[in-house]
Amino acid sequence: MDVVVQLLHPSVLVPWMLAMLFGIFAGATPGLTATMATALIVPISYYMSPVAGLAMIIGATFTAIFAGDIPATFLRIPGTPASSAAILDGFEMNRRGKGGFALTLDLLCSSIGGLIGVAILIMVAPPLARIALRFSSAEYFWLGLFGLSMSAVVSKGNTFRGIIAAAFGLLISTVGMDVTTGHPRFTFGQLELLSGVGFIPAMIGLFGLSEVLKLASDPATLNVPSITQSAKISLLGALPAIWRHKITVIRSALIGTFTGSLPGAGADIAAWVAYGVSKKASREPEKFGSGSEEGVIAPTSANNAGLAGAWIPALVFGIPGDAVTAIVVGAMLMYGLRPGPLIFEQSREIVDSIFMIAVVTQILLIGAGLLGIRAFSRILRLPRNAVMVIVLLFSAVGSFALENSFFDIYVMIAFGIIGFYMEKNDVPLPPLILGLILGPMVERNLRVGLVRTHGDFLPFFTRPISAVLAAALFITLFGGPIWNLIKGRLKQP
């Protein structure tokens, strides 16, 4: 009861609400990620109590993760990396005039997925964290490859072209310093490329600038609004669809929580894995990528749950699950709190406050999200040429703001042109992004693992968890064709 009274005090409640509104703005603005929102809030929270500061951080991050789906649905530009999967079906629903319905599903499933993730965080944090800590380089290698295999599953149209896009993403991910020797690779003398190709500018270019170029190539559409009317939002109208796909919601939230609890995985990978698994398990997989309700529900149920899952290793062992919780761990140390097993004994009141804040944030998210959807839908009723100017401005600012580098703007332009020509040739963009995200993880863990085993690849198969992940990878890639072959043989007289 004391925790509830403390959270309702104006010194906590007011900054908490303001931070959630800031999270909506940051998430819906391409380039201003949830990580950036958290980083901007930490210096402000330094002058507040630990509970107020943590309320601001938690409120901003959860709302930013959802808000990234707003431009992904309306403009096909993910507001955050975790929203990349939302462009597949959310944007297609918007093209059919159902953008408001797609975002209503997004909003409610984000809240439900977040609640499931937080519930698991509260109940089973220590066991899940212990499992995650048992992962070695071999397990992370297979996990990365499993995530890459999802690129073949989620590709719209030709699977082979999806694999080509993923391979291209892997190739781009090798730019920069070699992970083991420290030698520059494919930098062509550009100092800005020593740290690799920036993911955020690349994502903005692929999904933002390429869309602008596509619209510019068809002048007849420039004076037409992006959406012809304000988004129709009906929470009650979306509930039957969520009930029909309740298994997808629960399964995706569980996948998101588990994936998020693995250090380095994050909400973006959780969303893609949940999308791929849901497509495999669906009775209508052919509808994915063309405006499927399941395709909207799966990733958004997973990414907020993944954010909650990232708190598991952060709280229990002081090991950040992703970039956001890395900032959170630093903030907790700033407040004089030391994450780890002893925090449950020495600072139990703070831990209870964190749990309560996370639960209440999922409920308040619905109100904050509705404001964000309505505000953004009004802006998009402007003619497309005006909206595209705004998109170009935010794309340039978002690309520049991350590192204060003009070079990132050039990266954004380059990937915009690449994305434009890839789409003209029916090569899907999401696998490229997935390859760019997972490439460093796959390469680093493969090479570190081989160094530890003196070049022997056998331990990658003999470790129990590695064997399970390798089997899951094989089933994902070849399970469907093998099953179809078996069914064909059984049907023969």
Protein backbone atom coordinates (compact mmCIF):
# COMPACT_ATOMS: atom_id res chain seq x y z
CA MET A 1 0.00 0.00 0.00
CA ASP A 2 2.90 2.34 0.77
CA VAL A 3 4.21 1.77 -2.76
CA VAL A 4 0.86 2.81 -4.30
CA VAL A 5 0.70 5.98 -2.18
CA GLN A 6 4.26 6.85 -3.17
CA LEU A 7 3.52 6.40 -6.90
CA LEU A 8 0.40 8.59 -6.68
CA HIS A 9 2.32 11.49 -5.15
CA PRO A 10 2.52 14.45 -7.61
CA SER A 11 6.33 14.46 -7.44
CA VAL A 12 6.25 11.01 -9.06
CA LEU A 13 3.00 11.01 -11.03
CA VAL A 14 3.50 14.29 -12.95
CA PRO A 15 7.01 13.58 -14.34
CA TRP A 16 5.89 10.01 -15.04
CA MET A 17 3.01 11.22 -17.25
CA LEU A 18 5.17 13.82 -19.00
CA ALA A 19 7.81 11.19 -19.72
CA MET A 20 5.19 8.93 -21.30
CA LEU A 21 4.07 11.75 -23.61
CA PHE A 22 7.71 12.37 -24.51
CA GLY A 23 8.03 8.64 -25.22
CA ILE A 24 5.14 8.86 -27.69
CA PHE A 25 6.85 11.78 -29.46
CA ALA A 26 10.28 10.09 -29.50
CA GLY A 27 8.93 6.75 -30.69
CA ALA A 28 6.79 8.25 -33.45
CA THR A 29 9.69 10.35 -34.78
CA PRO A 30 12.02 8.23 -36.97
CA GLY A 31 15.54 8.42 -35.59
CA LEU A 32 14.52 9.29 -32.02
CA THR A 33 14.61 5.76 -30.62
CA ALA A 34 13.52 4.44 -27.22
CA THR A 35 17.20 4.26 -26.32
CA MET A 36 17.66 7.93 -27.14
CA ALA A 37 14.52 8.86 -25.18
CA THR A 38 15.92 7.00 -22.15
CA ALA A 39 19.31 8.64 -22.51
CA LEU A 40 17.73 12.10 -22.66
CA ILE A 41 15.61 11.47 -19.57
CA VAL A 42 18.38 10.13 -17.31
CA PRO A 43 20.11 13.53 -16.77
CA ILE A 44 16.74 15.09 -15.83
CA SER A 45 15.90 12.25 -13.44
CA TYR A 46 19.18 12.81 -11.60
CA TYR A 47 17.53 15.63 -9.66
CA MET A 48 14.55 13.49 -8.60
CA SER A 49 14.00 10.61 -6.24
CA PRO A 50 14.99 7.13 -7.52
CA VAL A 51 11.31 6.12 -7.77
CA ALA A 52 10.39 9.22 -9.82
CA GLY A 53 13.43 8.78 -12.06
CA LEU A 54 12.71 5.10 -12.69
CA ALA A 55 9.03 5.92 -13.36
CA MET A 56 10.09 8.41 -16.03
CA ILE A 57 12.50 5.94 -17.65
CA ILE A 58 10.06 3.01 -17.64
CA GLY A 59 7.16 5.17 -18.84
CA ALA A 60 9.14 6.68 -21.72
CA THR A 61 10.62 3.41 -22.97
CA PHE A 62 7.39 1.38 -23.07
CA THR A 63 5.45 4.15 -24.80
CA ALA A 64 8.28 4.79 -27.29
CA ILE A 65 8.33 1.12 -28.31
CA PHE A 66 4.60 1.26 -29.12
CA ALA A 67 4.72 4.69 -30.75
CA GLY A 68 7.26 3.44 -33.27
CA ASP A 69 4.40 1.48 -34.86
CA ILE A 70 2.50 4.70 -35.70
CA PRO A 71 4.76 5.93 -38.56
CA ALA A 72 5.45 2.28 -39.49
CA THR A 73 1.72 1.80 -40.10
CA PHE A 74 0.90 5.16 -41.70
CA LEU A 75 4.12 5.85 -43.63
CA ARG A 76 6.01 2.54 -43.67
CA ILE A 77 8.80 4.17 -41.67
CA PRO A 78 9.57 2.38 -38.38
CA GLY A 79 9.84 4.89 -35.56
CA THR A 80 12.10 2.51 -33.62
CA PRO A 81 14.03 -0.64 -34.65
CA ALA A 82 11.53 -2.74 -32.67
CA SER A 83 8.80 -1.48 -35.02
CA SER A 84 10.42 -2.73 -38.22
CA ALA A 85 8.15 -5.78 -38.37
CA ALA A 86 5.07 -3.52 -38.14
CA ILE A 87 5.60 -2.28 -41.68
CA LEU A 88 4.71 -5.66 -43.17
CA ASP A 89 1.02 -5.97 -42.32
CA GLY A 90 0.25 -2.71 -40.53
CA PHE A 91 1.14 -0.61 -43.56
CA GLU A 92 -0.82 -2.93 -45.87
CA MET A 93 -3.89 -2.55 -43.63
CA ASN A 94 -3.44 1.23 -43.78
CA ARG A 95 -3.39 1.10 -47.58
CA ARG A 96 -6.80 -0.56 -47.39
CA GLY A 97 -8.11 2.21 -45.13
CA LYS A 98 -7.72 0.22 -41.90
CA GLY A 99 -4.75 2.06 -40.42
CA GLY A 100 -6.71 3.08 -37.34
CA PHE A 101 -7.84 -0.51 -36.74
CA ALA A 102 -4.27 -1.79 -37.16
CA LEU A 103 -2.96 0.72 -34.63
CA THR A 104 -5.78 -0.09 -32.21
CA LEU A 105 -4.69 -3.74 -32.37
CA ASP A 106 -1.11 -2.52 -31.91
CA LEU A 107 -2.00 -0.47 -28.87
CA LEU A 108 -4.04 -3.10 -27.05
CA CYS A 109 -1.62 -5.94 -27.86
CA SER A 110 1.34 -3.81 -26.77
CA SER A 111 -0.39 -3.31 -23.43
CA ILE A 112 -1.37 -6.99 -23.09
CA GLY A 113 2.06 -8.21 -24.18
CA GLY A 114 3.72 -5.80 -21.77
CA LEU A 115 1.52 -7.01 -18.90
CA ILE A 116 2.39 -10.64 -19.67
CA GLY A 117 6.08 -9.75 -19.86
CA VAL A 118 5.98 -7.85 -16.57
CA ALA A 119 4.07 -10.71 -14.89
CA ILE A 120 6.79 -13.14 -15.97
CA LEU A 121 9.43 -10.67 -14.79
CA ILE A 122 7.81 -10.60 -11.36
CA MET A 123 7.22 -14.35 -11.04
CA VAL A 124 10.12 -16.13 -12.69
CA ALA A 125 12.96 -13.62 -13.03
CA PRO A 126 15.64 -15.70 -11.24
CA PRO A 127 15.11 -18.98 -13.19
CA LEU A 128 14.98 -17.26 -16.59
CA ALA A 129 18.04 -15.18 -15.80
CA ARG A 130 19.99 -18.32 -14.85
CA ILE A 131 19.09 -19.93 -18.17
CA ALA A 132 20.24 -16.85 -20.06
CA LEU A 133 23.56 -16.82 -18.19
CA ARG A 134 24.25 -20.40 -19.28
CA PHE A 135 24.40 -19.27 -22.91
CA SER A 136 27.90 -19.37 -24.36
CA SER A 137 29.16 -18.17 -27.74
CA ALA A 138 27.85 -21.35 -29.37
CA GLU A 139 24.28 -20.73 -28.20
CA TYR A 140 24.35 -17.09 -29.25
CA PHE A 141 25.66 -18.10 -32.68
CA TRP A 142 22.74 -20.46 -33.24
CA LEU A 143 20.29 -17.92 -31.83
CA GLY A 144 21.54 -15.35 -34.33
CA LEU A 145 21.26 -17.80 -37.22
CA PHE A 146 17.76 -18.74 -36.06
CA GLY A 147 16.82 -15.07 -36.16
CA LEU A 148 18.30 -14.80 -39.66
CA SER A 149 16.29 -17.83 -40.79
CA MET A 150 13.20 -15.79 -39.96
CA SER A 151 14.12 -13.54 -42.88
CA ALA A 152 13.25 -16.37 -45.25
CA VAL A 153 10.00 -16.94 -43.38
CA VAL A 154 8.83 -13.33 -43.23
CA SER A 155 9.84 -12.42 -46.80
CA LYS A 156 6.88 -11.42 -48.91
CA GLY A 157 6.91 -13.27 -52.20
CA ASN A 158 10.02 -15.12 -53.38
CA THR A 159 11.88 -16.73 -50.46
CA PHE A 160 15.14 -16.88 -52.42
CA ARG A 161 15.11 -13.11 -52.89
CA GLY A 162 14.56 -12.76 -49.16
CA ILE A 163 17.67 -14.86 -48.52
CA ILE A 164 19.63 -12.70 -50.99
CA ALA A 165 18.50 -9.56 -49.09
CA ALA A 166 19.52 -11.13 -45.77
CA ALA A 167 22.93 -12.07 -47.20
CA PHE A 168 23.37 -8.49 -48.41
CA GLY A 169 22.57 -7.29 -44.89
CA LEU A 170 25.16 -9.70 -43.50
CA LEU A 171 27.73 -8.36 -45.97
CA ILE A 172 27.06 -4.76 -44.90
CA SER A 173 27.36 -5.77 -41.24
CA THR A 174 31.00 -6.77 -41.83
CA VAL A 175 31.98 -3.16 -42.57
CA GLY A 176 34.12 -1.69 -39.78
CA MET A 177 36.71 -3.05 -37.38
CA ASP A 178 37.28 -6.81 -37.41
CA VAL A 179 35.84 -8.20 -34.18
CA THR A 180 38.90 -10.32 -33.35
CA THR A 181 41.90 -8.71 -35.06
CA GLY A 182 40.87 -5.05 -34.85
CA HIS A 183 41.77 -4.57 -38.53
CA PRO A 184 39.56 -2.24 -40.64
CA ARG A 185 37.37 -3.98 -43.22
CA PHE A 186 35.67 -2.44 -46.27
CA THR A 187 36.06 1.10 -44.91
CA PHE A 188 37.84 2.45 -48.05
CA GLY A 189 39.72 4.93 -45.88
CA GLN A 190 36.55 6.45 -44.37
CA LEU A 191 37.08 6.97 -40.63
CA GLU A 192 33.29 7.17 -40.12
CA LEU A 193 32.97 3.52 -41.22
CA LEU A 194 35.38 2.18 -38.59
CA SER A 195 32.44 1.62 -36.23
CA GLY A 196 30.35 0.07 -39.01
CA VAL A 197 27.32 1.23 -40.97
CA GLY A 198 24.85 3.00 -38.68
CA PHE A 199 21.70 0.93 -38.27
CA ILE A 200 19.33 3.82 -37.65
CA PRO A 201 20.33 5.88 -40.75
CA ALA A 202 20.20 2.71 -42.85
CA MET A 203 16.72 1.86 -41.56
CA ILE A 204 15.44 5.40 -42.12
CA GLY A 205 16.82 5.38 -45.66
CA LEU A 206 15.44 1.96 -46.56
CA PHE A 207 11.94 2.57 -45.25
CA GLY A 208 11.68 6.36 -45.31
CA LEU A 209 13.60 7.88 -48.19
CA SER A 210 12.80 4.94 -50.48
CA GLU A 211 9.09 5.60 -49.94
CA VAL A 212 9.61 9.29 -50.76
CA LEU A 213 11.45 8.33 -53.97
CA LYS A 214 8.68 5.89 -54.88
CA LEU A 215 6.01 8.56 -54.44
CA ALA A 216 8.10 11.14 -56.28
CA SER A 217 8.29 8.77 -59.26
CA ASP A 218 4.48 8.94 -59.47
CA PRO A 219 3.61 12.69 -59.45
CA ALA A 220 -0.13 11.98 -59.75
CA THR A 221 -0.24 10.83 -56.11
CA LEU A 222 1.62 13.78 -54.57
CA ASN A 223 -1.45 15.94 -53.94
CA VAL A 224 -3.41 13.08 -52.39
CA PRO A 225 -3.39 12.83 -48.55
CA SER A 226 -1.52 9.88 -46.98
CA ILE A 227 -4.77 9.05 -45.21
CA THR A 228 -8.06 10.49 -46.40
CA GLN A 229 -9.67 10.76 -42.98
CA SER A 230 -8.78 10.68 -39.32
CA ALA A 231 -7.94 7.20 -38.09
CA LYS A 232 -11.02 5.39 -36.81
CA ILE A 233 -10.19 4.07 -33.36
CA SER A 234 -12.50 1.67 -31.56
CA LEU A 235 -11.07 -0.21 -28.60
CA LEU A 236 -14.22 -2.33 -28.31
CA GLY A 237 -14.14 -3.03 -32.05
CA ALA A 238 -10.62 -4.47 -31.80
CA LEU A 239 -11.35 -6.80 -28.88
CA PRO A 240 -13.06 -9.53 -30.96
CA ALA A 241 -10.03 -9.71 -33.29
CA ILE A 242 -7.69 -10.00 -30.32
CA TRP A 243 -9.88 -12.73 -28.81
CA ARG A 244 -9.81 -14.66 -32.12
CA HIS A 245 -6.03 -14.57 -32.06
CA LYS A 246 -5.52 -14.90 -28.32
CA ILE A 247 -3.11 -17.80 -28.78
CA THR A 248 -0.97 -15.60 -31.05
CA VAL A 249 -0.95 -12.84 -28.42
CA ILE A 250 0.09 -15.19 -25.60
CA ARG A 251 2.64 -17.11 -27.68
CA SER A 252 4.22 -13.91 -29.02
CA ALA A 253 4.39 -12.35 -25.56
CA LEU A 254 6.12 -15.47 -24.20
CA ILE A 255 8.57 -15.48 -27.13
CA GLY A 256 9.21 -11.78 -26.59
CA THR A 257 9.87 -12.18 -22.89
CA PHE A 258 12.26 -15.09 -23.35
CA THR A 259 14.12 -13.44 -26.24
CA GLY A 260 14.31 -10.14 -24.36
CA SER A 261 15.80 -11.90 -21.34
CA LEU A 262 18.79 -12.96 -23.44
CA PRO A 263 21.47 -10.26 -23.15
CA GLY A 264 21.97 -8.56 -26.50
CA ALA A 265 18.81 -9.89 -28.16
CA GLY A 266 16.34 -7.04 -27.57
CA ALA A 267 12.78 -6.17 -28.57
CA ASP A 268 13.54 -5.85 -32.30
CA ILE A 269 14.74 -9.46 -32.61
CA ALA A 270 11.85 -10.60 -30.39
CA ALA A 271 9.35 -8.98 -32.78
CA TRP A 272 10.84 -10.69 -35.84
CA VAL A 273 11.05 -14.11 -34.21
CA ALA A 274 7.43 -13.84 -32.99
CA TYR A 275 6.30 -12.79 -36.48
CA GLY A 276 8.09 -15.73 -38.11
CA VAL A 277 6.81 -18.28 -35.60
CA SER A 278 3.25 -16.95 -35.92
CA LYS A 279 3.41 -17.23 -39.71
CA LYS A 280 4.62 -20.81 -39.41
CA ALA A 281 1.86 -21.68 -36.94
CA SER A 282 -0.93 -19.81 -38.75
CA ARG A 283 -3.74 -21.55 -40.62
CA GLU A 284 -3.53 -18.78 -43.22
CA PRO A 285 0.21 -18.04 -43.65
CA GLU A 286 -0.39 -16.76 -47.19
CA LYS A 287 -2.12 -13.67 -45.74
CA PHE A 288 1.00 -12.55 -43.87
CA GLY A 289 2.54 -9.51 -45.52
CA SER A 290 -0.72 -8.43 -47.14
CA GLY A 291 -2.61 -7.03 -44.15
CA SER A 292 -3.05 -10.00 -41.80
CA GLU A 293 -4.42 -9.33 -38.32
CA GLU A 294 -2.06 -11.98 -36.94
CA GLY A 295 0.83 -10.22 -38.70
CA VAL A 296 -0.01 -7.03 -36.79
CA ILE A 297 -0.65 -8.72 -33.46
CA ALA A 298 2.44 -10.97 -33.25
CA PRO A 299 5.32 -8.44 -33.36
CA THR A 300 3.60 -5.80 -31.23
CA SER A 301 2.74 -8.37 -28.55
CA ALA A 302 6.38 -9.45 -28.52
CA ASN A 303 8.30 -6.16 -28.51
CA ASN A 304 6.84 -4.71 -25.30
CA ALA A 305 7.12 -8.14 -23.65
CA GLY A 306 10.73 -8.22 -24.85
CA LEU A 307 11.36 -4.90 -23.15
CA ALA A 308 10.03 -6.35 -19.89
CA GLY A 309 12.14 -9.47 -20.40
CA ALA A 310 15.30 -7.36 -20.76
CA TRP A 311 14.81 -6.28 -17.13
CA ILE A 312 15.25 -9.87 -15.93
CA PRO A 313 19.05 -10.15 -16.27
CA ALA A 314 19.40 -6.43 -15.52
CA LEU A 315 17.67 -6.64 -12.14
CA VAL A 316 18.71 -10.10 -11.01
CA PHE A 317 22.35 -10.13 -12.14
CA GLY A 318 23.10 -6.55 -13.15
CA ILE A 319 23.63 -7.63 -16.78
CA PRO A 320 21.72 -5.38 -19.22
CA GLY A 321 19.43 -7.21 -21.61
CA ASP A 322 19.58 -4.46 -24.24
CA ALA A 323 20.75 -0.88 -24.81
CA VAL A 324 17.83 0.59 -22.84
CA THR A 325 18.47 -1.51 -19.74
CA ALA A 326 22.19 -0.74 -20.05
CA ILE A 327 21.26 2.91 -19.54
CA VAL A 328 18.88 1.89 -16.74
CA VAL A 329 21.63 -0.03 -14.91
CA GLY A 330 23.82 3.08 -15.14
CA ALA A 331 20.97 5.22 -13.81
CA MET A 332 20.39 2.84 -10.89
CA LEU A 333 24.06 3.02 -9.98
CA MET A 334 23.74 6.81 -10.16
CA TYR A 335 20.88 6.58 -7.64
CA GLY A 336 23.07 4.49 -5.33
CA LEU A 337 21.30 1.22 -6.21
CA ARG A 338 23.33 -1.84 -7.20
CA PRO A 339 21.43 -4.27 -9.47
CA GLY A 340 22.06 -7.91 -8.65
CA PRO A 341 20.78 -10.67 -6.37
CA LEU A 342 21.19 -8.54 -3.23
CA ILE A 343 18.88 -5.78 -4.52
CA PHE A 344 15.87 -7.96 -3.63
CA GLU A 345 17.01 -7.92 0.01
CA GLN A 346 18.66 -4.53 0.39
CA SER A 347 16.25 -2.44 -1.72
CA ARG A 348 13.05 -4.50 -1.79
CA GLU A 349 10.86 -1.38 -1.73
CA ILE A 350 12.55 -0.03 -4.86
CA VAL A 351 12.11 -3.38 -6.63
CA ASP A 352 8.41 -3.45 -5.70
CA SER A 353 8.09 0.11 -7.03
CA ILE A 354 9.70 -0.93 -10.32
CA PHE A 355 7.26 -3.81 -10.68
CA MET A 356 4.26 -1.61 -9.87
CA ILE A 357 5.42 1.16 -12.23
CA ALA A 358 5.84 -1.36 -15.05
CA VAL A 359 2.33 -2.77 -14.51
CA VAL A 360 0.60 0.63 -14.30
CA THR A 361 2.54 1.91 -17.33
CA GLN A 362 0.98 -0.82 -19.50
CA ILE A 363 -2.48 0.44 -18.50
CA LEU A 364 -1.65 4.14 -18.92
CA LEU A 365 -0.10 3.28 -22.29
CA ILE A 366 -3.59 2.93 -23.77
CA GLY A 367 -4.51 6.54 -23.01
CA ALA A 368 -1.15 7.95 -24.12
CA GLY A 369 -1.24 5.83 -27.27
CA LEU A 370 -4.70 7.04 -28.24
CA LEU A 371 -3.48 10.64 -28.03
CA GLY A 372 -0.50 9.80 -30.22
CA ILE A 373 -2.57 8.02 -32.88
CA ARG A 374 -5.11 10.86 -33.10
CA ALA A 375 -2.43 13.57 -33.27
CA PHE A 376 -0.41 11.75 -35.92
CA SER A 377 -3.46 10.89 -38.05
CA ARG A 378 -4.40 14.59 -38.22
CA ILE A 379 -0.92 15.52 -39.46
CA LEU A 380 -1.13 12.86 -42.18
CA ARG A 381 -4.32 14.33 -43.63
CA LEU A 382 -2.10 16.94 -45.25
CA PRO A 383 -1.28 16.36 -48.96
CA ARG A 384 1.45 13.77 -49.51
CA ASN A 385 3.90 16.29 -50.92
CA ALA A 386 3.72 18.25 -47.64
CA VAL A 387 3.99 15.06 -45.58
CA MET A 388 6.95 13.87 -47.66
CA VAL A 389 8.77 17.15 -46.97
CA ILE A 390 8.19 16.53 -43.25
CA VAL A 391 9.39 12.93 -43.66
CA LEU A 392 12.54 14.11 -45.44
CA LEU A 393 13.19 16.67 -42.72
CA PHE A 394 12.74 14.18 -39.88
CA SER A 395 14.74 11.55 -41.78
CA ALA A 396 17.69 13.93 -42.13
CA VAL A 397 17.41 15.20 -38.54
CA GLY A 398 16.93 11.69 -37.16
CA SER A 399 19.94 10.37 -39.05
CA PHE A 400 22.13 13.31 -38.00
CA ALA A 401 21.01 13.44 -34.36
CA LEU A 402 22.25 10.00 -33.36
CA GLU A 403 25.97 10.78 -33.75
CA ASN A 404 25.85 14.44 -34.82
CA SER A 405 27.37 13.28 -38.10
CA PHE A 406 26.63 14.45 -41.64
CA PHE A 407 28.08 11.15 -42.83
CA ASP A 408 25.01 9.39 -41.42
CA ILE A 409 22.83 11.54 -43.69
CA TYR A 410 24.85 10.25 -46.66
CA VAL A 411 24.30 6.69 -45.37
CA MET A 412 20.57 7.37 -45.17
CA ILE A 413 20.53 8.68 -48.77
CA ALA A 414 22.54 5.70 -50.04
CA PHE A 415 20.21 3.18 -48.41
CA GLY A 416 17.19 5.11 -49.63
CA ILE A 417 18.38 4.65 -53.21
CA ILE A 418 19.22 0.99 -52.56
CA GLY A 419 15.79 0.40 -51.03
CA PHE A 420 14.05 2.11 -53.94
CA TYR A 421 15.71 -0.15 -56.55
CA MET A 422 15.32 -3.28 -54.40
CA GLU A 423 11.58 -2.74 -54.21
CA LYS A 424 11.36 -2.04 -57.93
CA ASN A 425 12.83 -5.53 -58.44
CA ASP A 426 10.59 -7.18 -55.80
CA VAL A 427 13.45 -7.79 -53.36
CA PRO A 428 12.08 -7.44 -49.79
CA LEU A 429 13.69 -4.91 -47.44
CA PRO A 430 13.07 -6.43 -43.95
CA PRO A 431 15.55 -9.34 -44.41
CA LEU A 432 18.28 -6.82 -45.20
CA ILE A 433 17.60 -5.03 -41.92
CA LEU A 434 17.55 -8.34 -40.04
CA GLY A 435 20.91 -9.29 -41.55
CA LEU A 436 22.33 -5.90 -40.55
CA ILE A 437 21.09 -6.34 -36.97
CA LEU A 438 22.16 -9.94 -36.44
CA GLY A 439 25.34 -9.99 -38.54
CA PRO A 440 27.72 -8.73 -35.82
CA MET A 441 26.16 -11.06 -33.24
CA VAL A 442 26.55 -14.12 -35.50
CA GLU A 443 30.12 -13.31 -36.57
CA ARG A 444 31.36 -12.34 -33.11
CA ASN A 445 30.03 -15.45 -31.40
CA LEU A 446 31.18 -17.78 -34.18
CA ARG A 447 34.73 -16.48 -34.10
CA VAL A 448 34.97 -16.21 -30.32
CA GLY A 449 33.55 -19.73 -30.00
CA LEU A 450 36.06 -21.14 -32.51
CA VAL A 451 38.92 -19.42 -30.71
CA ARG A 452 37.82 -21.05 -27.44
CA THR A 453 37.55 -24.50 -29.05
CA HIS A 454 40.80 -24.09 -31.05
CA GLY A 455 38.92 -24.27 -34.35
CA ASP A 456 36.76 -27.28 -33.43
CA PHE A 457 33.15 -26.81 -34.58
CA LEU A 458 31.86 -29.95 -32.82
CA PRO A 459 31.03 -28.22 -29.48
CA PHE A 460 28.59 -26.00 -31.40
CA PHE A 461 26.47 -29.16 -31.83
CA THR A 462 27.19 -31.14 -28.68
CA ARG A 463 26.15 -28.57 -26.06
CA PRO A 464 22.48 -29.31 -25.13
CA ILE A 465 21.09 -25.80 -25.69
CA SER A 466 23.11 -25.42 -28.90
CA ALA A 467 21.70 -28.72 -30.18
CA VAL A 468 18.15 -27.55 -29.50
CA LEU A 469 18.72 -24.22 -31.29
CA ALA A 470 20.41 -25.96 -34.23
CA ALA A 471 17.44 -28.33 -34.51
CA ALA A 472 15.03 -25.37 -34.38
CA LEU A 473 17.00 -23.71 -37.20
CA PHE A 474 16.83 -26.87 -39.32
CA ILE A 475 13.07 -27.24 -38.73
CA THR A 476 12.48 -23.57 -39.59
CA LEU A 477 14.31 -23.79 -42.91
CA PHE A 478 13.48 -27.32 -44.02
CA GLY A 479 10.58 -28.48 -41.85
CA GLY A 480 7.88 -27.17 -44.19
CA PRO A 481 9.26 -28.68 -47.44
CA ILE A 482 10.02 -32.02 -45.74
CA TRP A 483 6.53 -32.16 -44.24
CA ASN A 484 4.93 -31.35 -47.60
CA LEU A 485 7.05 -34.09 -49.21
CA ILE A 486 5.96 -36.63 -46.58
CA LYS A 487 2.28 -35.65 -47.00
CA GLY A 488 2.63 -36.01 -50.78
CA ARG A 489 4.12 -39.49 -50.40
CA LEU A 490 1.37 -40.55 -47.97
CA LYS A 491 -1.35 -39.39 -50.37
CA GLN A 492 0.05 -41.52 -53.18
CA PRO A 493 -1.79 -44.85 -53.62
